[in-house]
PDB file of N, CA and C in Angstrom:
ATOM      1  N   MET A   1      -9.414  -0.683   9.756  1.00  0.00           N
ATOM      2  CA  MET A   1      -8.337  -0.900   8.684  1.00  0.00           C
ATOM      3  C   MET A   1      -7.606  -1.602   9.984  1.00  0.00           C
ATOM      4  N   ASN A   2      -7.361  -3.270   8.933  1.00  0.00           N
ATOM      5  CA  ASN A   2      -6.535  -3.810   9.725  1.00  0.00           C
ATOM      6  C   ASN A   2      -5.280  -3.730   9.322  1.00  0.00           C
ATOM      7  N   CYS A   3      -4.245  -4.937   9.990  1.00  0.00           N
ATOM      8  CA  CYS A   3      -2.767  -4.792  10.250  1.00  0.00           C
ATOM      9  C   CYS A   3      -2.447  -4.945   8.729  1.00  0.00           C
ATOM     10  N   ARG A   4      -2.821  -5.828   7.868  1.00  0.00           N
ATOM     11  CA  ARG A   4      -2.621  -6.242   6.387  1.00  0.00           C
ATOM     12  C   ARG A   4      -2.642  -5.083   5.505  1.00  0.00           C
ATOM     13  N   GLN A   5      -3.598  -4.176   5.810  1.00  0.00           N
ATOM     14  CA  GLN A   5      -3.895  -3.097   4.903  1.00  0.00           C
ATOM     15  C   GLN A   5      -2.912  -1.709   5.700  1.00  0.00           C
ATOM     16  N   ALA A   6      -2.965  -1.642   6.585  1.00  0.00           N
ATOM     17  CA  ALA A   6      -1.925  -0.857   7.352  1.00  0.00           C
ATOM     18  C   ALA A   6      -0.325  -1.149   6.724  1.00  0.00           C
ATOM     19  N   SER A   7      -0.111  -2.265   6.901  1.00  0.00           N
ATOM     20  CA  SER A   7       1.281  -2.689   6.606  1.00  0.00           C
ATOM     21  C   SER A   7       1.465  -2.458   4.756  1.00  0.00           C
ATOM     22  N   ARG A   8       0.469  -2.464   3.945  1.00  0.00           N
ATOM     23  CA  ARG A   8       0.564  -2.175   2.582  1.00  0.00           C
ATOM     24  C   ARG A   8       0.669  -0.688   2.163  1.00  0.00           C
ATOM     25  N   LEU A   9      -0.006   0.003   3.026  1.00  0.00           N
ATOM     26  CA  LEU A   9      -0.035   1.649   3.263  1.00  0.00           C
ATOM     27  C   LEU A   9       1.341   2.226   3.424  1.00  0.00           C
ATOM     28  N   LEU A  10       2.095   1.264   4.373  1.00  0.00           N
ATOM     29  CA  LEU A  10       3.039   1.736   4.775  1.00  0.00           C
ATOM     30  C   LEU A  10       4.309   1.461   3.648  1.00  0.00           C
ATOM     31  N   SER A  11       4.015   0.615   2.913  1.00  0.00           N
ATOM     32  CA  SER A  11       5.091   0.358   2.107  1.00  0.00           C
ATOM     33  C   SER A  11       4.846   1.080   0.915  1.00  0.00           C
ATOM     34  N   GLU A  12       3.472   1.330   0.694  1.00  0.00           N
ATOM     35  CA  GLU A  12       3.376   2.344  -0.766  1.00  0.00           C
ATOM     36  C   GLU A  12       3.911   3.549  -0.145  1.00  0.00           C
ATOM     37  N   ALA A  13       3.846   4.054   0.946  1.00  0.00           N
ATOM     38  CA  ALA A  13       4.182   5.366   1.149  1.00  0.00           C
ATOM     39  C   ALA A  13       5.245   5.552   0.943  1.00  0.00           C
ATOM     40  N   LEU A  14       6.707   4.601   0.855  1.00  0.00           N
ATOM     41  CA  LEU A  14       7.918   4.998   0.725  1.00  0.00           C
ATOM     42  C   LEU A  14       7.762   4.989  -0.680  1.00  0.00           C
ATOM     43  N   ASP A  15       7.405   5.018  -1.395  1.00  0.00           N
ATOM     44  CA  ASP A  15       7.248   4.893  -2.873  1.00  0.00           C
ATOM     45  C   ASP A  15       6.484   6.635  -3.323  1.00  0.00           C
ATOM     46  N   HIS A  16       5.430   6.604  -2.898  1.00  0.00           N
ATOM     47  CA  HIS A  16       4.757   7.800  -3.248  1.00  0.00           C
ATOM     48  C   HIS A  16       3.818   8.220  -2.300  1.00  0.00           C
ATOM     49  N   ARG A  17       3.466   9.721  -2.263  1.00  0.00           N
ATOM     50  CA  ARG A  17       2.794  10.297  -1.152  1.00  0.00           C
ATOM     51  C   ARG A  17       1.237   9.482  -0.965  1.00  0.00           C
ATOM     52  N   LEU A  18       0.688   9.349  -0.071  1.00  0.00           N
ATOM     53  CA  LEU A  18      -0.548   8.522   0.230  1.00  0.00           C
ATOM     54  C   LEU A  18      -1.671   9.557   0.175  1.00  0.00           C
ATOM     55  N   ARG A  19      -3.043   9.140  -0.364  1.00  0.00           N
ATOM     56  CA  ARG A  19      -4.204  10.402  -0.323  1.00  0.00           C
ATOM     57  C   ARG A  19      -4.431  10.396   0.866  1.00  0.00           C
ATOM     58  N   PRO A  20      -4.632  11.782   1.206  1.00  0.00           N
ATOM     59  CA  PRO A  20      -5.253  12.140   2.692  1.00  0.00           C
ATOM     60  C   PRO A  20      -5.848  11.164   3.375  1.00  0.00           C
ATOM     61  N   ALA A  21      -7.008  10.432   2.834  1.00  0.00           N
ATOM     62  CA  ALA A  21      -8.187   9.563   3.536  1.00  0.00           C
ATOM     63  C   ALA A  21      -7.000   8.555   4.282  1.00  0.00           C
ATOM     64  N   ASP A  22      -6.623   8.277   3.376  1.00  0.00           N
ATOM     65  CA  ASP A  22      -5.501   6.838   3.674  1.00  0.00           C
ATOM     66  C   ASP A  22      -4.409   7.099   4.451  1.00  0.00           C
ATOM     67  N   ARG A  23      -3.808   8.526   4.619  1.00  0.00           N
ATOM     68  CA  ARG A  23      -3.031   8.694   5.891  1.00  0.00           C
ATOM     69  C   ARG A  23      -3.351   9.077   7.227  1.00  0.00           C
ATOM     70  N   LEU A  24      -4.957   9.206   7.102  1.00  0.00           N
ATOM     71  CA  LEU A  24      -5.789   9.426   7.975  1.00  0.00           C
ATOM     72  C   LEU A  24      -6.135   8.011   9.149  1.00  0.00           C
ATOM     73  N   ARG A  25      -6.369   7.284   7.982  1.00  0.00           N
ATOM     74  CA  ARG A  25      -6.982   6.170   8.546  1.00  0.00           C
ATOM     75  C   ARG A  25      -5.515   5.475   8.928  1.00  0.00           C
ATOM     76  N   LEU A  26      -4.416   5.319   8.330  1.00  0.00           N
ATOM     77  CA  LEU A  26      -3.441   4.855   8.967  1.00  0.00           C
ATOM     78  C   LEU A  26      -2.545   5.466   9.921  1.00  0.00           C
ATOM     79  N   ARG A  27      -2.939   6.296  10.153  1.00  0.00           N
ATOM     80  CA  ARG A  27      -2.039   7.024  11.491  1.00  0.00           C
ATOM     81  C   ARG A  27      -3.103   6.494  12.728  1.00  0.00           C
ATOM     82  N   LEU A  28      -4.735   6.594  12.319  1.00  0.00           N
ATOM     83  CA  LEU A  28      -5.343   6.226  13.246  1.00  0.00           C
ATOM     84  C   LEU A  28      -5.044   4.624  13.932  1.00  0.00           C
ATOM     85  N   HIS A  29      -4.579   4.265  12.940  1.00  0.00           N
ATOM     86  CA  HIS A  29      -4.493   2.449  13.374  1.00  0.00           C
ATOM     87  C   HIS A  29      -3.293   2.591  14.041  1.00  0.00           C
ATOM     88  N   LEU A  30      -2.071   3.279  13.106  1.00  0.00           N
ATOM     89  CA  LEU A  30      -0.562   3.037  13.964  1.00  0.00           C
ATOM     90  C   LEU A  30      -1.175   3.370  15.530  1.00  0.00           C
ATOM     91  N   LEU A  31      -2.032   4.805  15.908  1.00  0.00           N
ATOM     92  CA  LEU A  31      -2.344   4.488  17.302  1.00  0.00           C
ATOM     93  C   LEU A  31      -2.584   3.741  18.054  1.00  0.00           C
ATOM     94  N   MET A  32      -2.851   2.548  17.664  1.00  0.00           N
ATOM     95  CA  MET A  32      -3.447   1.774  18.336  1.00  0.00           C
ATOM     96  C   MET A  32      -2.678   0.699  18.006  1.00  0.00           C
ATOM     97  N   CYS A  33      -1.543   0.375  17.101  1.00  0.00           N
ATOM     98  CA  CYS A  33      -1.275  -0.793  16.778  1.00  0.00           C
ATOM     99  C   CYS A  33       0.643  -0.880  17.128  1.00  0.00           C
ATOM    100  N   THR A  34       0.963  -1.460  18.192  1.00  0.00           N
ATOM    101  CA  THR A  34       2.816  -0.927  18.202  1.00  0.00           C
ATOM    102  C   THR A  34       3.410  -2.056  17.199  1.00  0.00           C
ATOM    103  N   GLY A  35       2.490  -3.025  16.867  1.00  0.00           N
ATOM    104  CA  GLY A  35       3.511  -4.250  15.649  1.00  0.00           C
ATOM    105  C   GLY A  35       3.697  -3.538  14.160  1.00  0.00           C
ATOM    106  N   CYS A  36       2.063  -2.639  14.497  1.00  0.00           N
ATOM    107  CA  CYS A  36       2.379  -1.523  13.000  1.00  0.00           C
ATOM    108  C   CYS A  36       3.797  -0.760  12.725  1.00  0.00           C
ATOM    109  N   THR A  37       3.460  -0.222  14.120  1.00  0.00           N
ATOM    110  CA  THR A  37       4.116   0.667  14.446  1.00  0.00           C
ATOM    111  C   THR A  37       5.408   0.561  14.021  1.00  0.00           C
ATOM    112  N   ARG A  38       6.076  -0.573  14.692  1.00  0.00           N
ATOM    113  CA  ARG A  38       7.518  -0.942  14.794  1.00  0.00           C
ATOM    114  C   ARG A  38       7.902  -1.328  13.322  1.00  0.00           C
ATOM    115  N   PHE A  39       6.783  -1.942  12.390  1.00  0.00           N
ATOM    116  CA  PHE A  39       7.179  -2.328  11.144  1.00  0.00           C
ATOM    117  C   PHE A  39       7.400  -1.329  10.016  1.00  0.00           C
ATOM    118  N   GLY A  40       6.280  -0.402  10.316  1.00  0.00           N
ATOM    119  CA  GLY A  40       6.833   1.328   9.796  1.00  0.00           C
ATOM    120  C   GLY A  40       8.196   1.436  10.454  1.00  0.00           C
ATOM    121  N   ARG A  41       8.745   1.700  11.356  1.00  0.00           N
ATOM    122  CA  ARG A  41       9.932   1.937  11.812  1.00  0.00           C
ATOM    123  C   ARG A  41      10.991   1.263  11.015  1.00  0.00           C
ATOM    124  N   GLN A  42      10.454   0.017  11.081  1.00  0.00           N
ATOM    125  CA  GLN A  42      11.621  -1.125  10.272  1.00  0.00           C
ATOM    126  C   GLN A  42      11.740  -0.626   8.735  1.00  0.00           C
ATOM    127  N   VAL A  43      10.804  -0.715   8.087  1.00  0.00           N
ATOM    128  CA  VAL A  43      10.610  -0.136   6.559  1.00  0.00           C
ATOM    129  C   VAL A  43      11.420   1.111   6.520  1.00  0.00           C
ATOM    130  N   ARG A  44      10.893   2.271   6.965  1.00  0.00           N
ATOM    131  CA  ARG A  44      11.828   3.222   6.865  1.00  0.00           C
ATOM    132  C   ARG A  44      13.567   2.976   7.427  1.00  0.00           C
ATOM    133  N   PHE A  45      13.581   2.429   8.353  1.00  0.00           N
ATOM    134  CA  PHE A  45      15.252   2.438   8.301  1.00  0.00           C
ATOM    135  C   PHE A  45      15.849   1.479   7.348  1.00  0.00           C
ATOM    136  N   MET A  46      15.101   0.341   6.811  1.00  0.00           N
ATOM    137  CA  MET A  46      15.765  -0.495   5.417  1.00  0.00           C
ATOM    138  C   MET A  46      15.561   0.684   4.466  1.00  0.00           C
ATOM    139  N   GLN A  47      14.917   1.512   4.314  1.00  0.00           N
ATOM    140  CA  GLN A  47      14.921   2.356   2.992  1.00  0.00           C
ATOM    141  C   GLN A  47      16.196   3.382   3.091  1.00  0.00           C
ATOM    142  N   ARG A  48      16.277   3.576   4.494  1.00  0.00           N
ATOM    143  CA  ARG A  48      17.424   4.765   4.555  1.00  0.00           C
ATOM    144  C   ARG A  48      18.662   3.868   4.229  1.00  0.00           C
ATOM    145  N   ALA A  49      18.719   2.908   4.678  1.00  0.00           N
ATOM    146  CA  ALA A  49      19.927   2.082   4.838  1.00  0.00           C
ATOM    147  C   ALA A  49      20.291   1.638   3.376  1.00  0.00           C
ATOM    148  N   SER A  50      19.335   0.650   2.310  1.00  0.00           N
ATOM    149  CA  SER A  50      19.463   0.733   1.048  1.00  0.00           C
ATOM    150  C   SER A  50      19.977   2.023   0.580  1.00  0.00           C
ATOM    151  N   ARG A  51      19.276   3.310   0.294  1.00  0.00           N
ATOM    152  CA  ARG A  51      20.001   4.033  -0.354  1.00  0.00           C
ATOM    153  C   ARG A  51      21.409   4.282   0.206  1.00  0.00           C
ATOM    154  N   GLN A  52      21.966   4.015   0.924  1.00  0.00           N
ATOM    155  CA  GLN A  52      23.480   4.759   1.800  1.00  0.00           C
ATOM    156  C   GLN A  52      24.163   3.601   0.921  1.00  0.00           C
ATOM    157  N   TYR A  53      23.876   2.454   0.739  1.00  0.00           N
ATOM    158  CA  TYR A  53      24.941   1.478   0.500  1.00  0.00           C
ATOM    159  C   TYR A  53      24.500   1.675  -1.065  1.00  0.00           C
ATOM    160  N   ILE A  54      26.040   1.721  -1.582  1.00  0.00           N
ATOM    161  CA  ILE A  54      26.773   1.453  -2.924  1.00  0.00           C
ATOM    162  C   ILE A  54      27.901   0.689  -2.884  1.00  0.00           C
ATOM    163  N   PRO A  55      28.054  -0.030  -3.688  1.00  0.00           N
ATOM    164  CA  PRO A  55      29.026  -1.319  -3.957  1.00  0.00           C
ATOM    165  C   PRO A  55      30.435  -0.399  -4.311  1.00  0.00           C
ATOM    166  N   GLY A  56      31.405  -1.031  -3.729  1.00  0.00           N
ATOM    167  CA  GLY A  56      32.380  -0.565  -3.914  1.00  0.00           C
ATOM    168  C   GLY A  56      33.438   0.671  -3.392  1.00  0.00           C
ATOM    169  N   GLY A  57      31.970   1.292  -2.314  1.00  0.00           N
ATOM    170  CA  GLY A  57      32.753   2.421  -1.798  1.00  0.00           C
ATOM    171  C   GLY A  57      32.450   4.062  -2.508  1.00  0.00           C
ATOM    172  N   ALA A  58      31.747   4.075  -3.317  1.00  0.00           N
ATOM    173  CA  ALA A  58      31.767   5.251  -4.346  1.00  0.00           C
ATOM    174  C   ALA A  58      30.826   6.370  -3.443  1.00  0.00           C
ATOM    175  N   LYS A  59      31.300   7.283  -3.493  1.00  0.00           N
ATOM    176  CA  LYS A  59      30.049   8.396  -3.431  1.00  0.00           C
ATOM    177  C   LYS A  59      28.917   8.516  -3.821  1.00  0.00           C
ATOM    178  N   PRO A  60      27.427   8.994  -3.788  1.00  0.00           N
ATOM    179  CA  PRO A  60      26.910   9.137  -4.816  1.00  0.00           C
ATOM    180  C   PRO A  60      26.973  10.655  -4.856  1.00  0.00           C
ATOM    181  N   GLY A  61      26.692  10.658  -6.641  1.00  0.00           N
ATOM    182  CA  GLY A  61      27.125  11.620  -7.441  1.00  0.00           C
ATOM    183  C   GLY A  61      28.849  11.731  -7.216  1.00  0.00           C
ATOM    184  N   LYS A  62      29.228  10.919  -7.743  1.00  0.00           N
ATOM    185  CA  LYS A  62      30.651  11.267  -7.527  1.00  0.00           C
ATOM    186  C   LYS A  62      31.401   9.780  -8.773  1.00  0.00           C
ATOM    187  N   PRO A  63      31.742   9.838  -9.704  1.00  0.00           N
ATOM    188  CA  PRO A  63      32.184   9.267 -10.465  1.00  0.00           C
ATOM    189  C   PRO A  63      33.524   8.991 -10.130  1.00  0.00           C
ATOM    190  N   ASP A  64      33.853   7.303  -9.758  1.00  0.00           N
ATOM    191  CA  ASP A  64      35.092   6.678  -9.692  1.00  0.00           C
ATOM    192  C   ASP A  64      36.156   6.602 -11.024  1.00  0.00           C
TER     193      ASP A  64
END
């Protein structure tokens, strides 16, 4: 697996569960590649941050 394939799988993993074979290939790649490991952390951080942002300061699930 190369870095381009790994970054695609890291992005796909945000939206749905990866197949077991893809998860294994990705884990093996991440053990060897610090750049992709860092990219994965950044993508997960951005996902968490974007879920917390709601315009106007409204709380999730509570109408204004």
